[in-house]
Amino acid sequence: MKSKRIFSGVQPSGTLHIGNYLGAIRHWVDRQDDGENIFCIVDLHAITIARDPKELREHIYTLAMLFFACGIDPQKSSVFIQSHIKEHAELAWLLTCNTPMGWLKRMTQFKDKAGKKQDQASAGLFTYPTLMAADILLYQTTEVPVGDDQKQHVELTRDIAESFNSKYGDVFTMPQPVIPTSGARIMGLDDPTAKMSKATQFPNRYISMLDDPKVIRKKIARATTDSAPEIIFNDQMGEGVQNLLTIFKLFSGETDVQIRARFEGKQYGELKKVLGDLVVEKLAPIQERVADMKKNMDHVEKILKEGADRIRPLAEKTVRDVKQAMGLG
């Protein structure tokens, strides 16, 4: 076994956007040789909010194809659908019974998603963090790549593991959150004070990995900049301009010096045109690979089944150990 076991999960709540790619997936692709990688499509998390069944199923397999198209190699990494391994749900219940209500009430995501309708929200949305803890602890994970907004969930997972180990013995490995140093927080195109997200009523906030080139260029052309007439690299540069330059830097690989030389004193329209062309160019091969995979969905399903079969024995062992420690069965 490799010294590192890395777990990453993504909800199939819609297509991936470039913030997901720049902030997470490209790092996952680059690190596939660093340890044993587990990539999970967390469909059980998706149903904490009402979903159309047909759309959910489509999103699950589109997400899987995007994983592969972006460079996740099923020969190096285990890629599978969460609900295909029943131990996720089983361990989540066992952990829920060992997690104080007060810990869950501290979690900001429930408050953000439920808003003023907390009494109408599903119990699953409230206990979402224990399912996430189960996802991580099920595989004796050592590292969890997350954005800074998800760090709280990994900290809760560590609290749950530490409490469980203290009560019942050393069953769980203590996972560490790993936050990427670049591209960790790509902001919305229409509102650079809000994180880029597909879970929004504002379609111009994000660029989907599968957006048509015309749509991509239009969204970037409408992106918020600031009131200055041209790009000036100083402390007064607007957040929207900074965000566009960050996206350019991550897609192009150019240095800060090169970017400043390219855009200093230029009009925002020029930046947006260059960036639009660059994003279209970078996404084109990914979109082509997805289109090819759609022609052979049986093969996609086969890869996902193999990924689940490969990793299932580890999940089964963890649940056996937990139940034995708790005196069950």
Protein backbone atom coordinates (compact mmCIF):
# COMPACT_ATOMS: atom_id res chain seq x y z
CA MET A 1 0.00 0.00 0.00
CA LYS A 2 1.21 3.50 -0.80
CA SER A 3 1.98 5.71 2.19
CA LYS A 4 -0.76 8.21 1.29
CA ARG A 5 -4.42 7.42 0.74
CA ILE A 6 -6.21 10.44 -0.72
CA PHE A 7 -10.01 10.76 -0.82
CA SER A 8 -11.94 13.30 -2.91
CA GLY A 9 -15.68 13.52 -3.37
CA VAL A 10 -17.80 15.64 -5.72
CA GLN A 11 -21.58 16.06 -5.74
CA PRO A 12 -23.40 15.37 -9.02
CA SER A 13 -25.58 18.43 -8.52
CA GLY A 14 -24.88 19.72 -12.02
CA THR A 15 -22.00 19.89 -14.42
CA LEU A 16 -18.52 20.88 -13.23
CA HIS A 17 -17.43 24.47 -13.77
CA ILE A 18 -13.96 25.88 -14.36
CA GLY A 19 -13.64 26.79 -10.68
CA ASN A 20 -13.92 23.08 -9.83
CA TYR A 21 -11.34 22.27 -12.48
CA LEU A 22 -8.80 24.98 -11.64
CA GLY A 23 -9.23 24.72 -7.88
CA ALA A 24 -9.36 20.95 -7.52
CA ILE A 25 -9.44 18.52 -10.42
CA ARG A 26 -6.25 19.59 -12.17
CA HIS A 27 -4.42 19.14 -8.86
CA TRP A 28 -5.94 15.68 -8.44
CA VAL A 29 -4.76 14.72 -11.92
CA ASP A 30 -1.22 15.94 -11.23
CA ARG A 31 -1.03 14.08 -7.89
CA GLN A 32 -2.24 10.67 -9.04
CA ASP A 33 1.23 9.17 -8.60
CA ASP A 34 1.69 10.65 -5.11
CA GLY A 35 -0.42 8.04 -3.34
CA GLU A 36 -3.49 5.82 -3.54
CA ASN A 37 -6.26 8.05 -4.90
CA ILE A 38 -9.98 7.48 -4.35
CA PHE A 39 -12.46 9.64 -6.30
CA CYS A 40 -16.10 9.35 -5.28
CA ILE A 41 -19.21 10.71 -6.99
CA VAL A 42 -21.20 11.44 -3.83
CA ASP A 43 -24.76 10.91 -5.03
CA LEU A 44 -26.07 10.23 -1.51
CA HIS A 45 -25.09 13.79 -0.60
CA ALA A 46 -26.97 15.10 -3.63
CA ILE A 47 -30.33 13.78 -2.38
CA THR A 48 -30.21 15.81 0.85
CA ILE A 49 -31.98 18.35 -1.37
CA ALA A 50 -34.86 17.31 -3.67
CA ARG A 51 -33.60 16.27 -7.11
CA ASP A 52 -35.27 15.22 -10.34
CA PRO A 53 -34.34 11.49 -10.64
CA LYS A 54 -33.68 11.62 -14.39
CA GLU A 55 -31.49 14.71 -14.08
CA LEU A 56 -29.61 13.26 -11.11
CA ARG A 57 -28.78 10.07 -13.00
CA GLU A 58 -27.59 12.11 -15.99
CA HIS A 59 -25.44 14.34 -13.77
CA ILE A 60 -23.83 11.31 -12.10
CA TYR A 61 -22.55 9.87 -15.36
CA THR A 62 -21.65 13.25 -16.87
CA LEU A 63 -19.51 13.92 -13.80
CA ALA A 64 -17.79 10.55 -14.19
CA MET A 65 -17.03 11.26 -17.84
CA LEU A 66 -15.62 14.68 -16.95
CA PHE A 67 -13.34 13.08 -14.36
CA PHE A 68 -11.92 10.78 -17.02
CA ALA A 69 -11.82 13.48 -19.71
CA CYS A 70 -9.87 15.82 -17.42
CA GLY A 71 -7.21 13.17 -16.85
CA ILE A 72 -8.27 10.99 -13.91
CA ASP A 73 -6.82 7.61 -14.91
CA PRO A 74 -8.92 4.61 -13.74
CA GLN A 75 -5.77 2.48 -13.94
CA LYS A 76 -4.13 4.65 -11.29
CA SER A 77 -7.13 5.80 -9.26
CA SER A 78 -10.38 4.28 -8.00
CA VAL A 79 -13.39 6.15 -9.38
CA PHE A 80 -16.85 5.03 -8.29
CA ILE A 81 -20.39 6.08 -7.36
CA GLN A 82 -20.97 6.46 -3.62
CA SER A 83 -24.32 4.62 -3.50
CA HIS A 84 -22.72 1.58 -5.16
CA ILE A 85 -20.89 0.88 -1.88
CA LYS A 86 -23.52 0.45 0.84
CA GLU A 87 -20.96 0.87 3.63
CA HIS A 88 -21.05 4.65 3.12
CA ALA A 89 -24.61 4.79 4.41
CA GLU A 90 -24.00 2.17 7.09
CA LEU A 91 -20.97 3.91 8.54
CA ALA A 92 -22.76 7.27 8.37
CA TRP A 93 -25.46 5.94 10.71
CA LEU A 94 -22.89 4.48 13.11
CA LEU A 95 -21.07 7.81 13.23
CA THR A 96 -24.30 9.81 13.56
CA CYS A 97 -25.04 7.85 16.73
CA ASN A 98 -21.65 8.96 18.07
CA THR A 99 -21.84 12.63 17.07
CA PRO A 100 -23.30 15.26 19.44
CA MET A 101 -26.07 17.48 18.06
CA GLY A 102 -24.07 20.53 19.13
CA TRP A 103 -21.27 19.64 16.73
CA LEU A 104 -23.68 19.48 13.80
CA LYS A 105 -25.38 22.76 14.78
CA ARG A 106 -22.03 24.54 14.40
CA MET A 107 -21.73 23.60 10.74
CA THR A 108 -22.22 26.58 8.47
CA GLN A 109 -23.27 24.64 5.36
CA PHE A 110 -26.64 23.62 6.86
CA LYS A 111 -27.38 27.23 7.77
CA ASP A 112 -26.34 28.42 4.31
CA LYS A 113 -28.40 25.85 2.39
CA ALA A 114 -31.46 25.75 4.64
CA GLY A 115 -31.55 29.49 5.24
CA LYS A 116 -34.69 30.57 7.05
CA LYS A 117 -36.42 27.26 6.27
CA GLN A 118 -34.41 25.06 8.63
CA ASP A 119 -37.53 23.36 9.99
CA GLN A 120 -38.53 22.35 6.46
CA ALA A 121 -35.05 21.12 5.47
CA SER A 122 -34.41 17.38 5.35
CA ALA A 123 -32.82 15.60 8.31
CA GLY A 124 -30.27 14.37 5.76
CA LEU A 125 -29.12 17.92 5.12
CA PHE A 126 -28.56 18.38 8.86
CA THR A 127 -26.60 15.11 9.21
CA TYR A 128 -24.73 15.69 5.92
CA PRO A 129 -21.44 16.19 7.82
CA THR A 130 -21.52 12.70 9.36
CA LEU A 131 -22.01 11.18 5.90
CA MET A 132 -19.03 13.19 4.69
CA ALA A 133 -17.06 11.95 7.71
CA ALA A 134 -18.06 8.39 6.81
CA ASP A 135 -16.88 8.90 3.21
CA ILE A 136 -13.44 9.91 4.46
CA LEU A 137 -13.00 7.54 7.39
CA LEU A 138 -14.35 4.50 5.52
CA TYR A 139 -11.09 4.23 3.56
CA GLN A 140 -8.67 5.10 6.37
CA THR A 141 -7.87 8.25 4.42
CA THR A 142 -4.68 10.17 5.23
CA GLU A 143 -5.30 13.29 3.08
CA VAL A 144 -8.41 15.13 1.88
CA PRO A 145 -7.94 17.82 -0.79
CA VAL A 146 -10.54 20.52 -0.12
CA GLY A 147 -11.24 24.17 -0.72
CA ASP A 148 -10.94 26.44 2.28
CA ASP A 149 -14.76 26.53 2.56
CA GLN A 150 -14.80 22.76 3.17
CA LYS A 151 -12.05 22.70 5.77
CA GLN A 152 -14.64 22.83 8.57
CA HIS A 153 -16.03 19.47 7.43
CA VAL A 154 -12.64 17.78 7.60
CA GLU A 155 -12.06 19.28 11.05
CA LEU A 156 -15.39 17.80 12.19
CA THR A 157 -14.36 14.46 10.67
CA ARG A 158 -11.19 14.57 12.75
CA ASP A 159 -13.22 15.38 15.88
CA ILE A 160 -15.54 12.43 15.21
CA ALA A 161 -12.61 10.07 14.58
CA GLU A 162 -10.75 11.23 17.68
CA SER A 163 -13.86 10.85 19.85
CA PHE A 164 -14.62 7.39 18.43
CA ASN A 165 -11.04 6.20 18.90
CA SER A 166 -11.07 7.50 22.45
CA LYS A 167 -14.26 5.57 23.26
CA TYR A 168 -13.65 2.33 21.41
CA GLY A 169 -9.96 2.04 20.52
CA ASP A 170 -7.89 3.08 17.52
CA VAL A 171 -10.18 2.24 14.61
CA PHE A 172 -9.83 5.30 12.37
CA THR A 173 -6.88 6.99 10.72
CA MET A 174 -6.78 10.76 11.34
CA PRO A 175 -7.14 12.54 7.97
CA GLN A 176 -5.43 15.81 7.13
CA PRO A 177 -7.03 18.55 4.99
CA VAL A 178 -4.92 19.64 2.02
CA ILE A 179 -5.80 23.05 0.57
CA PRO A 180 -4.23 23.90 -2.82
CA THR A 181 -2.04 27.00 -2.84
CA SER A 182 -3.26 28.24 -6.23
CA GLY A 183 -6.74 28.39 -7.71
CA ALA A 184 -8.36 27.36 -4.44
CA ARG A 185 -11.08 29.97 -4.76
CA ILE A 186 -12.18 31.08 -8.22
CA MET A 187 -14.82 33.77 -7.90
CA GLY A 188 -18.04 34.39 -9.82
CA LEU A 189 -17.79 36.21 -13.12
CA ASP A 190 -20.82 38.39 -12.40
CA ASP A 191 -20.02 38.84 -8.70
CA PRO A 192 -16.34 38.57 -7.77
CA THR A 193 -17.23 38.71 -4.05
CA ALA A 194 -18.99 35.32 -4.32
CA LYS A 195 -17.31 32.00 -5.05
CA MET A 196 -17.94 30.59 -8.54
CA SER A 197 -20.75 28.09 -8.12
CA LYS A 198 -23.21 26.17 -10.26
CA ALA A 199 -25.71 26.15 -7.36
CA THR A 200 -27.05 29.57 -8.25
CA GLN A 201 -29.90 31.22 -10.13
CA PHE A 202 -27.34 33.35 -11.98
CA PRO A 203 -26.00 31.40 -15.00
CA ASN A 204 -23.42 34.08 -15.81
CA ARG A 205 -21.66 33.43 -12.51
CA TYR A 206 -19.86 30.33 -13.75
CA ILE A 207 -18.48 28.68 -16.88
CA SER A 208 -19.48 25.05 -17.23
CA MET A 209 -16.84 22.64 -18.47
CA LEU A 210 -19.31 21.71 -21.21
CA ASP A 211 -20.45 25.20 -22.21
CA ASP A 212 -20.54 25.97 -25.92
CA PRO A 213 -17.67 28.24 -27.09
CA LYS A 214 -20.11 31.05 -27.89
CA VAL A 215 -21.55 30.84 -24.37
CA ILE A 216 -18.07 30.87 -22.82
CA ARG A 217 -17.03 33.99 -24.73
CA LYS A 218 -20.33 35.74 -23.94
CA LYS A 219 -20.07 35.03 -20.19
CA ILE A 220 -16.50 36.31 -20.06
CA ALA A 221 -17.42 39.38 -22.11
CA ARG A 222 -20.10 40.21 -19.52
CA ALA A 223 -17.82 39.58 -16.53
CA THR A 224 -17.59 42.31 -13.89
CA THR A 225 -14.39 44.41 -13.96
CA ASP A 226 -14.14 47.86 -12.34
CA SER A 227 -14.58 51.55 -13.10
CA ALA A 228 -10.99 52.23 -14.22
CA PRO A 229 -10.59 52.60 -18.01
CA GLU A 230 -7.68 50.17 -18.33
CA ILE A 231 -5.75 47.45 -16.52
CA ILE A 232 -3.37 48.91 -13.95
CA PHE A 233 -1.46 46.53 -11.70
CA ASN A 234 -1.79 48.26 -8.34
CA ASP A 235 -3.61 47.95 -5.00
CA GLN A 236 -6.73 49.55 -6.44
CA MET A 237 -7.28 46.85 -9.07
CA GLY A 238 -10.87 45.61 -8.86
CA GLU A 239 -11.70 42.12 -7.61
CA GLY A 240 -13.33 41.23 -10.92
CA VAL A 241 -10.19 42.08 -12.90
CA GLN A 242 -8.04 40.14 -10.45
CA ASN A 243 -10.32 37.14 -10.85
CA LEU A 244 -10.08 37.21 -14.66
CA LEU A 245 -6.29 37.48 -14.45
CA THR A 246 -6.19 34.55 -12.00
CA ILE A 247 -8.20 32.40 -14.40
CA PHE A 248 -5.87 33.44 -17.24
CA LYS A 249 -2.80 32.59 -15.17
CA LEU A 250 -4.05 29.14 -14.21
CA PHE A 251 -5.11 28.19 -17.72
CA SER A 252 -2.06 29.69 -19.46
CA GLY A 253 0.68 28.80 -16.99
CA GLU A 254 2.26 32.23 -17.52
CA THR A 255 4.11 33.96 -14.67
CA ASP A 256 2.98 37.17 -12.98
CA VAL A 257 5.75 39.04 -14.82
CA GLN A 258 4.61 37.71 -18.20
CA ILE A 259 0.97 38.53 -17.47
CA ARG A 260 1.80 42.07 -16.41
CA ALA A 261 3.84 42.63 -19.55
CA ARG A 262 0.98 41.28 -21.67
CA PHE A 263 -1.91 43.26 -20.14
CA GLU A 264 -0.53 46.39 -18.43
CA GLY A 265 -2.42 49.42 -19.76
CA LYS A 266 -4.68 47.33 -22.01
CA GLN A 267 -8.46 47.72 -22.18
CA TYR A 268 -10.64 45.18 -20.39
CA GLY A 269 -12.12 44.12 -23.72
CA GLU A 270 -8.74 42.82 -24.85
CA LEU A 271 -8.25 40.80 -21.66
CA LYS A 272 -11.72 39.30 -22.03
CA LYS A 273 -11.16 38.38 -25.68
CA VAL A 274 -7.81 36.73 -25.00
CA LEU A 275 -9.20 34.92 -21.97
CA GLY A 276 -12.30 33.75 -23.85
CA ASP A 277 -10.18 32.27 -26.62
CA LEU A 278 -7.88 30.61 -24.10
CA VAL A 279 -10.69 28.99 -22.09
CA VAL A 280 -12.36 27.70 -25.27
CA GLU A 281 -9.03 26.26 -26.42
CA LYS A 282 -8.32 24.52 -23.11
CA LEU A 283 -11.81 23.06 -22.71
CA ALA A 284 -12.14 21.82 -26.32
CA PRO A 285 -10.20 18.53 -25.90
CA ILE A 286 -12.04 17.76 -22.65
CA GLN A 287 -15.40 18.34 -24.33
CA GLU A 288 -14.36 16.14 -27.26
CA ARG A 289 -13.39 13.27 -24.94
CA VAL A 290 -16.75 13.52 -23.15
CA ALA A 291 -18.58 13.42 -26.49
CA ASP A 292 -16.64 10.26 -27.45
CA MET A 293 -17.43 8.56 -24.13
CA LYS A 294 -21.15 9.26 -24.51
CA LYS A 295 -21.08 6.95 -27.53
CA ASN A 296 -20.09 4.01 -25.30
CA MET A 297 -21.83 4.36 -21.94
CA ASP A 298 -21.47 0.64 -21.25
CA HIS A 299 -17.71 1.17 -21.02
CA VAL A 300 -18.16 4.11 -18.61
CA GLU A 301 -20.40 1.98 -16.37
CA LYS A 302 -17.86 -0.86 -16.51
CA ILE A 303 -15.04 1.44 -15.34
CA LEU A 304 -17.16 2.72 -12.44
CA LYS A 305 -18.11 -0.83 -11.41
CA GLU A 306 -14.46 -1.88 -11.47
CA GLY A 307 -13.56 1.13 -9.33
CA ALA A 308 -16.19 0.20 -6.74
CA ASP A 309 -15.17 -3.46 -6.75
CA ARG A 310 -11.52 -2.53 -6.22
CA ILE A 311 -12.17 -0.35 -3.18
CA ARG A 312 -15.14 -2.17 -1.59
CA PRO A 313 -13.07 -4.67 0.49
CA LEU A 314 -11.46 -1.79 2.38
CA ALA A 315 -14.87 -0.27 3.13
CA GLU A 316 -16.20 -3.63 4.31
CA LYS A 317 -13.25 -4.11 6.65
CA THR A 318 -13.66 -0.68 8.22
CA VAL A 319 -17.35 -1.25 8.93
CA ARG A 320 -16.60 -4.68 10.41
CA ASP A 321 -13.99 -3.13 12.69
CA VAL A 322 -16.36 -0.33 13.75
CA LYS A 323 -19.23 -2.72 14.51
CA GLN A 324 -16.95 -5.05 16.46
CA ALA A 325 -15.57 -2.11 18.46
CA MET A 326 -19.11 -0.92 19.28
CA GLY A 327 -20.31 -4.40 20.26
CA LEU A 328 -22.72 -4.82 17.33
CA GLY A 329 -23.55 -8.10 15.65
